[in-house]
Protein backbone atom coordinates (compact mmCIF):
# COMPACT_ATOMS: atom_id res chain seq x y z
CA MET A 1 0.68 14.77 12.88
CA ALA A 2 2.75 18.05 13.57
CA GLU A 3 2.36 21.31 12.06
CA ILE A 4 5.35 21.34 9.73
CA VAL A 5 6.91 18.32 8.15
CA VAL A 6 10.17 18.38 6.99
CA PHE A 7 11.70 15.34 4.83
CA ALA A 8 15.39 15.63 5.20
CA GLY A 9 18.64 13.37 4.66
CA PRO A 10 21.87 13.79 3.51
CA THR A 11 21.70 17.38 3.06
CA CYS A 12 20.66 17.89 6.75
CA HIS A 13 20.07 15.33 9.19
CA ASP A 14 17.19 14.80 11.92
CA GLY A 15 19.16 16.42 14.66
CA GLU A 16 20.02 19.79 12.71
CA VAL A 17 16.19 20.52 11.53
CA ALA A 18 14.88 19.89 14.55
CA ALA A 19 17.49 21.80 16.53
CA ARG A 20 16.75 24.76 13.86
CA LEU A 21 12.93 24.25 13.96
CA ALA A 22 13.64 23.76 18.30
CA GLY A 23 9.83 24.74 19.89
CA LEU A 24 7.69 24.41 16.71
CA GLY A 25 6.94 20.37 17.13
CA ALA A 26 8.34 19.78 13.45
CA THR A 27 8.12 16.24 12.38
CA VAL A 28 11.88 14.92 10.16
CA LEU A 29 10.79 12.11 8.01
CA PRO A 30 13.33 10.69 5.63
CA PRO A 31 13.91 11.86 2.19
CA VAL A 32 10.51 11.94 0.37
CA ALA A 33 9.61 9.20 -2.08
CA GLN A 34 6.32 8.81 -4.52
CA GLY A 35 3.44 8.74 -1.89
CA ASP A 36 4.58 10.25 1.18
CA ILE A 37 3.23 13.47 0.50
CA ALA A 38 -0.14 12.01 -0.92
CA ARG A 39 -0.17 9.74 2.63
CA LEU A 40 0.01 13.06 4.81
CA VAL A 41 -2.39 14.60 3.09
CA ALA A 42 -4.92 11.66 2.93
CA LEU A 43 -4.67 11.90 7.23
CA PRO A 44 -8.05 13.33 8.88
CA GLU A 45 -7.81 17.33 7.87
CA THR A 46 -7.37 17.52 11.74
CA GLU A 47 -3.97 15.42 11.66
CA ARG A 48 -2.53 16.98 8.45
CA PRO A 49 0.53 19.46 8.30
CA ARG A 50 0.27 22.73 7.69
CA VAL A 51 3.45 23.02 5.87
CA ILE A 52 5.10 20.19 4.41
CA GLY A 53 9.30 21.27 3.55
CA VAL A 54 11.07 19.18 1.31
CA ILE A 55 14.62 19.19 0.72
CA ASP A 56 15.81 15.36 0.18
CA GLY A 57 14.00 12.98 -2.29
CA VAL A 58 14.96 9.85 -3.64
CA TYR A 59 14.64 8.92 -7.16
CA GLU A 60 16.36 6.31 -9.70
CA ARG A 61 16.17 3.10 -7.62
CA VAL A 62 12.67 4.30 -5.50
CA PRO A 63 10.23 6.19 -7.77
CA ALA A 64 10.84 10.07 -6.98
CA VAL A 65 8.11 12.14 -5.39
CA TRP A 66 4.89 12.74 -7.83
CA HIS A 67 4.09 16.35 -9.16
CA LYS A 68 0.39 15.69 -8.59
CA GLU A 69 0.86 14.35 -5.14
CA ILE A 70 1.96 18.07 -4.22
CA LEU A 71 0.00 20.05 -6.52
CA TRP A 72 -3.14 17.45 -4.46
CA ALA A 73 -2.06 18.90 -1.42
CA LEU A 74 -1.75 22.35 -2.35
CA SER A 75 -5.15 22.09 -3.53
CA GLU A 76 -6.21 20.83 0.20
CA GLY A 77 -4.63 23.72 1.34
CA VAL A 78 -1.22 22.15 3.01
CA ALA A 79 1.41 24.48 2.38
CA VAL A 80 4.90 23.14 0.34
CA ALA A 81 8.20 24.71 0.33
CA GLY A 82 11.00 22.96 -0.99
CA ALA A 83 15.03 24.19 -1.30
CA ALA A 84 18.48 22.67 -2.00
CA SER A 85 17.93 19.42 -3.77
CA MET A 86 14.30 17.68 -4.81
CA GLY A 87 12.76 20.05 -3.19
CA ALA A 88 14.22 22.67 -5.30
CA LEU A 89 13.68 21.04 -8.35
CA ARG A 90 10.06 20.30 -7.54
CA ALA A 91 9.62 23.98 -6.29
CA ALA A 92 10.88 25.31 -9.20
CA GLU A 93 8.77 22.93 -11.67
CA LEU A 94 5.70 23.81 -9.58
CA ALA A 95 6.22 27.21 -8.61
CA PRO A 96 3.51 28.72 -10.93
CA PHE A 97 0.93 26.12 -9.14
CA GLY A 98 1.77 27.83 -5.70
CA MET A 99 5.15 25.85 -4.36
CA ILE A 100 7.53 27.97 -2.59
CA GLY A 101 11.29 27.47 -3.42
CA THR A 102 14.02 29.43 -1.86
CA GLY A 103 17.56 29.42 -1.98
CA ARG A 104 20.34 29.12 -5.19
CA VAL A 105 19.68 25.65 -6.21
CA TYR A 106 15.77 26.58 -6.61
CA ALA A 107 16.65 29.99 -8.52
CA ALA A 108 19.41 28.11 -10.78
CA ALA A 109 16.34 25.30 -11.52
CA GLY A 110 13.54 27.95 -12.08
CA SER A 111 15.89 30.22 -14.15
CA GLY A 112 17.26 27.16 -16.36
CA GLU A 113 20.93 27.88 -15.27
CA LEU A 114 20.74 24.17 -13.67
CA VAL A 115 19.00 21.27 -15.76
CA ASP A 116 20.54 17.70 -14.97
CA ASP A 117 18.87 16.77 -11.99
CA ASP A 118 22.74 14.99 -11.28
CA GLU A 119 23.65 18.21 -10.31
CA VAL A 120 21.86 17.58 -6.95
CA ALA A 121 22.23 14.24 -6.36
CA VAL A 122 24.67 12.42 -4.06
CA ALA A 123 24.81 8.52 -2.84
CA HIS A 124 23.97 8.48 0.84
CA LEU A 125 23.73 5.56 4.09
CA GLY A 126 20.64 4.48 5.32
CA PRO A 127 18.63 5.68 8.43
CA ASP A 128 20.59 4.10 11.16
CA ASP A 129 23.69 6.32 9.55
CA ASP A 130 21.51 9.55 9.25
CA HIS A 131 21.49 9.41 5.44
CA ARG A 132 24.82 10.78 5.51
CA PRO A 133 26.66 11.42 2.40
CA VAL A 134 29.00 9.69 0.94
CA SER A 135 29.63 11.13 -2.43
CA THR A 136 29.68 15.46 -3.26
CA ALA A 137 26.79 17.19 -5.10
CA MET A 138 27.99 18.78 -8.38
CA VAL A 139 26.34 22.03 -7.51
CA ASP A 140 28.44 22.05 -4.50
CA ILE A 141 31.71 21.16 -6.38
CA ARG A 142 30.99 24.09 -8.51
CA ALA A 143 30.51 26.27 -5.45
CA THR A 144 34.00 24.69 -4.24
CA LEU A 145 35.57 25.72 -7.32
CA ASP A 146 34.23 29.30 -7.52
CA ALA A 147 35.53 30.04 -4.08
CA ALA A 148 39.02 28.42 -4.57
CA ARG A 149 39.28 30.18 -7.73
CA ALA A 150 38.16 33.46 -6.04
CA ALA A 151 40.87 33.08 -3.55
CA GLY A 152 43.33 32.80 -5.67
CA VAL A 153 43.94 28.78 -5.08
CA ILE A 154 43.25 27.54 -8.67
CA ASP A 155 42.60 29.43 -11.70
CA ALA A 156 39.91 29.00 -14.28
CA PRO A 157 41.07 26.73 -16.65
CA ALA A 158 41.94 24.49 -13.79
CA GLY A 159 38.31 25.06 -12.20
CA ARG A 160 36.88 24.05 -15.50
CA THR A 161 39.01 21.26 -15.98
CA ILE A 162 38.06 19.76 -12.23
CA ALA A 163 34.49 20.50 -13.22
CA GLY A 164 34.00 18.60 -16.05
CA ALA A 165 36.12 15.69 -14.41
CA ALA A 166 33.09 15.48 -11.87
CA LYS A 167 30.47 15.74 -14.54
CA ARG A 168 31.90 12.84 -16.56
CA LEU A 169 31.32 10.98 -13.34
CA HIS A 170 28.12 9.31 -12.09
CA TYR A 171 26.63 11.15 -9.38
CA THR A 172 27.73 7.97 -6.59
CA GLU A 173 31.67 8.15 -7.61
CA ARG A 174 32.40 12.50 -7.29
CA ARG A 175 34.24 12.68 -4.22
CA TRP A 176 37.09 15.21 -3.65
CA PRO A 177 40.16 12.37 -3.55
CA ALA A 178 39.72 11.55 -7.00
CA LEU A 179 38.75 15.15 -8.36
CA LEU A 180 42.12 16.44 -6.91
CA ARG A 181 44.05 14.75 -9.11
CA HIS A 182 43.34 16.76 -12.23
CA ASP A 183 44.14 20.14 -10.24
CA PRO A 184 47.62 20.67 -12.05
CA THR A 185 49.09 22.78 -8.50
CA GLY A 186 48.06 20.48 -6.04
CA ALA A 187 46.81 23.78 -4.02
CA LEU A 188 43.04 23.07 -4.23
CA ALA A 189 44.11 19.62 -1.37
CA GLY A 190 45.46 22.08 1.27
CA TRP A 191 42.45 24.46 1.29
CA LEU A 192 39.81 22.12 0.73
CA PRO A 193 39.30 21.15 4.29
CA THR A 194 39.01 24.76 5.57
CA GLY A 195 37.13 26.36 2.37
CA ARG A 196 34.90 23.60 1.05
CA VAL A 197 31.00 25.44 0.25
CA SER A 198 27.87 23.63 0.15
CA VAL A 199 25.25 25.19 -1.36
CA LYS A 200 22.77 22.88 -0.55
CA ALA A 201 23.30 22.92 2.91
CA ALA A 202 23.30 27.08 3.00
CA ASP A 203 19.76 26.37 0.97
CA ALA A 204 18.43 23.78 3.48
CA VAL A 205 19.20 26.61 6.08
CA ALA A 206 17.14 28.86 4.62
CA LEU A 207 14.03 26.45 3.66
CA LEU A 208 13.89 25.53 7.68
CA ASP A 209 13.79 29.29 8.66
CA LEU A 210 11.32 30.36 6.21
CA LEU A 211 8.99 27.24 7.03
CA PRO A 212 7.24 29.15 10.12
CA ARG A 213 6.41 31.97 7.90
CA VAL A 214 4.54 29.99 5.16
CA PRO A 215 1.19 31.19 4.16
CA PRO A 216 -1.12 28.88 3.21
CA PRO A 217 -1.50 27.96 -0.25
CA SER A 218 -3.83 29.87 -2.71
CA ALA A 219 -4.39 27.15 -5.29
CA ALA A 220 -5.60 28.84 -8.38
CA PHE A 221 -6.11 26.03 -10.34
CA HIS A 222 -8.21 22.65 -10.80
CA LEU A 223 -6.93 19.34 -10.15
CA GLU A 224 -7.65 16.90 -12.65
CA PRO A 225 -8.57 13.55 -11.35
CA THR A 226 -7.11 11.02 -14.11
CA GLU A 227 -7.75 7.27 -13.94
CA GLN A 228 -3.90 7.29 -13.06
CA TRP A 229 -4.09 9.67 -10.29
CA LEU A 230 -7.33 7.90 -8.88
CA ALA A 231 -5.49 4.60 -9.02
CA ALA A 232 -2.59 5.55 -7.46
CA ARG A 233 -3.66 8.00 -4.73
CA PRO A 234 -3.77 6.41 -1.11
CA VAL A 235 -6.92 4.37 -0.38
CA PRO A 236 -8.51 3.82 3.04
CA GLY A 237 -6.29 1.31 5.07
CA THR A 238 -3.26 3.32 3.59
CA GLY A 239 -3.72 7.25 4.90
CA ASP A 240 -3.94 6.53 8.64
CA LEU A 241 -0.07 5.77 8.48
CA ASP A 242 2.29 8.72 8.13
CA PRO A 243 5.18 8.19 5.90
CA GLY A 244 7.92 7.64 8.21
CA THR A 245 6.24 4.86 10.18
CA LEU A 246 5.39 3.26 6.76
CA ARG A 247 8.91 3.48 5.69
CA ARG A 248 9.75 1.76 8.83
CA LEU A 249 7.47 -1.08 8.39
CA ILE A 250 8.72 -2.02 4.90
CA ASP A 251 12.26 -1.37 6.00
CA GLY A 252 11.21 -4.46 8.91
CA LEU A 253 9.66 -6.71 6.12
CA ARG A 254 12.71 -6.44 4.00
CA ARG A 255 14.95 -6.74 7.05
CA ASP A 256 13.17 -9.74 8.43
CA GLY A 257 12.89 -11.17 4.70
CA VAL A 258 9.01 -11.73 4.18
CA HIS A 259 8.90 -8.41 2.05
CA ASP A 260 8.73 -9.66 -1.45
CA ASP A 261 6.33 -12.82 -0.43
CA LEU A 262 4.12 -10.11 1.36
CA GLU A 263 4.40 -8.31 -1.98
CA ARG A 264 3.43 -11.05 -4.39
CA ALA A 265 0.42 -12.01 -2.26
CA ALA A 266 -0.56 -8.34 -2.25
CA ALA A 267 -0.52 -7.97 -5.60
CA LEU A 268 -2.28 -11.51 -6.48
CA ARG A 269 -5.00 -9.85 -3.93
CA LEU A 270 -5.45 -6.85 -6.09
CA LEU A 271 -5.41 -8.33 -8.96
CA ALA A 272 -8.11 -10.55 -7.65
CA VAL A 273 -9.93 -8.17 -6.26
CA ARG A 274 -10.18 -6.25 -9.52
CA TYR A 275 -11.03 -9.57 -11.37
CA ALA A 276 -14.31 -9.31 -8.86
CA GLY A 277 -15.20 -5.84 -8.62
CA GLY A 278 -18.48 -6.72 -9.51
CA HIS A 279 -19.54 -8.76 -6.72
CA ARG A 280 -18.92 -5.99 -4.23
CA PRO A 281 -21.38 -6.10 -1.67
CA HIS A 282 -23.83 -3.82 -0.45
CA GLY A 283 -26.37 -3.39 2.24
CA ALA A 284 -26.98 -6.12 4.72
CA ALA A 285 -24.79 -8.46 2.81
CA LEU A 286 -21.74 -5.77 3.41
CA ALA A 287 -22.63 -5.58 6.93
CA GLU A 288 -22.50 -9.30 7.24
CA TRP A 289 -19.02 -9.35 5.44
CA ILE A 290 -17.84 -6.27 7.98
CA ASP A 291 -19.22 -8.29 10.90
CA ARG A 292 -17.45 -11.61 9.48
CA VAL A 293 -14.26 -9.59 8.90
CA ARG A 294 -14.07 -8.31 12.75
CA ALA A 295 -15.15 -11.97 13.68
CA ARG A 296 -11.66 -13.59 11.86
CA ILE A 297 -9.11 -10.98 12.40
CA ASP A 298 -7.62 -9.42 15.46
CA PRO A 299 -8.80 -6.24 16.28
CA ALA A 300 -5.56 -4.77 16.52
CA ASP A 301 -4.90 -5.39 12.96
CA LEU A 302 -8.18 -3.38 12.31
CA ALA A 303 -6.98 -0.34 14.59
CA GLY A 304 -5.94 2.12 11.77
CA LEU A 305 -9.52 1.12 9.56
CA GLY A 306 -12.02 3.82 10.24
CA PRO A 307 -15.92 2.78 8.99
CA ALA A 308 -15.36 3.76 5.68
CA ALA A 309 -11.82 2.05 5.33
CA LEU A 310 -12.98 -0.90 7.15
CA ALA A 311 -15.93 -1.26 5.12
CA ALA A 312 -14.25 -1.29 1.89
CA PHE A 313 -11.41 -3.66 3.33
CA ALA A 314 -14.37 -6.34 4.13
CA ALA A 315 -15.93 -5.50 0.44
CA ASP A 316 -12.52 -6.45 -0.91
CA GLN A 317 -12.63 -9.57 0.98
CA ALA A 318 -15.83 -10.77 -0.13
CA CYS A 319 -14.24 -9.98 -3.77
CA LEU A 320 -11.59 -12.21 -2.93
CA VAL A 321 -13.49 -14.70 -2.19
CA ALA A 322 -15.59 -14.26 -5.43
CA ALA A 323 -12.75 -14.32 -7.82
CA CYS A 324 -11.47 -17.43 -5.84
CA ASP A 325 -14.98 -19.24 -6.21
CA HIS A 326 -15.67 -17.89 -10.24
CA ALA A 327 -12.03 -18.67 -11.20
CA ASP A 328 -11.39 -22.04 -9.66
CA ALA A 329 -10.37 -24.08 -12.88
CA GLU A 330 -8.23 -21.05 -14.20
CA ILE A 331 -6.86 -20.95 -10.64
CA GLN A 332 -6.17 -24.71 -10.58
CA ALA A 333 -3.97 -23.98 -13.73
CA ALA A 334 -2.25 -21.51 -12.32
CA VAL A 335 -1.19 -23.64 -9.35
CA LEU A 336 0.61 -25.52 -12.25
CA ASP A 337 2.16 -22.48 -13.98
CA THR A 338 3.66 -21.33 -10.45
CA LEU A 339 4.90 -25.08 -9.87
CA ARG A 340 6.49 -25.08 -13.08
CA VAL A 341 8.42 -21.34 -12.21
CA ARG A 342 9.28 -22.85 -9.00
CA GLY A 343 10.97 -25.95 -10.48
CA GLU A 344 8.38 -28.07 -8.39
CA TYR A 345 5.78 -29.40 -11.54
CA ALA A 346 8.06 -32.43 -12.47
CA ARG A 347 8.06 -34.13 -8.66
CA ARG A 348 4.95 -33.16 -8.18
CA VAL A 349 2.95 -34.53 -10.60
CA ALA A 350 5.49 -37.64 -10.17
CA GLU A 351 4.55 -37.95 -6.60
CA ALA A 352 0.81 -37.40 -7.45
CA ARG A 353 0.49 -40.38 -10.12
CA ARG A 354 2.40 -42.39 -7.73
CA SER A 355 -0.26 -41.80 -4.68
CA PRO A 356 -2.92 -44.18 -4.17
CA VAL A 357 -4.66 -41.85 -2.51
CA PRO A 358 -7.61 -39.36 -4.62
CA SER A 359 -7.29 -35.41 -4.17
CA GLN A 360 -10.02 -33.79 -2.08
CA PRO A 361 -12.50 -31.61 -4.06
CA ARG A 362 -11.19 -28.41 -3.07
CA GLU A 363 -13.25 -27.28 -0.16
CA SER A 364 -15.37 -23.44 -0.51
CA THR A 365 -13.52 -20.38 0.26
CA GLU A 366 -16.49 -19.23 2.27
CA LYS A 367 -15.27 -21.19 4.97
CA GLU A 368 -12.42 -19.36 5.33
CA THR A 369 -11.97 -15.52 4.78
CA PRO A 370 -8.41 -15.30 2.68
CA ARG A 371 -6.05 -12.69 4.29
């Protein structure tokens, strides 16, 4: 992993970030989402970035980056700095704990002038289109109107009218063609192509210039290991993937149409492992399960697991088998419920009643490790 990692998207694309940080070996990742920073911190210490820059982030349809994972990074000696968009909001909130912020959006959020998250939000395209924005941030609309008023293009009442119209729109619908209808003079349309102002873009540049000089954090706080945090932070088996690779992997599964089935299977696996937590093997029994896993799973699929992660994975497999063996009757009942959900229960029951072949007893799950 590079010394500097930057989460950016609609505010400035990969090429802009790479050019600004040329020669520094920076890594550019998509807009930050929940868990992305935690996964970076979960990397081995020699592979962690020295500093993480947050410009853009996702929210609404995808969980936003947690405050606690940023605090975890700071407590582990990884500097975190933000500006322009989600980065500015988190930096203003976490400045007392050592997160660094810069730029006008950060200052406005810190002073209380900027309160609504939708002031920095935009709709944007996906990674194949460089996360290109398809709406305009409210902070940039306000800055542009201020510049137009200063240039004598519009007066103060017109500026307030246009800003009010923009604020009433959902952030995904804020586009200049719709807003120009509220300009009584029509002068703004001619001035706009050369007069537009982007506070967010300027703040992003300021952050990129700052990142190489960001000092190590001096975290003067205690990170409380709450039950929720311990359950949610990266666990062995995920920390070896950087957020960009993990995001592309999930996107690929969605494109292939297999993500939903895998997600349901993963949820059932997680619940089964927790259900049978008291059956986790230790000592010789764990060593036997590790050997069993190595024998039945392709080594390439285990390549990302270190010794501790492999042991945890093998123990989970043991719990999964134990859950199946100890809840056989309940699982059969759940199979019937699943058939009902899929609309197959009546047909399957009718077929079973017509069939002269008696059902065979279920073979022990010990014969094949569930995957």
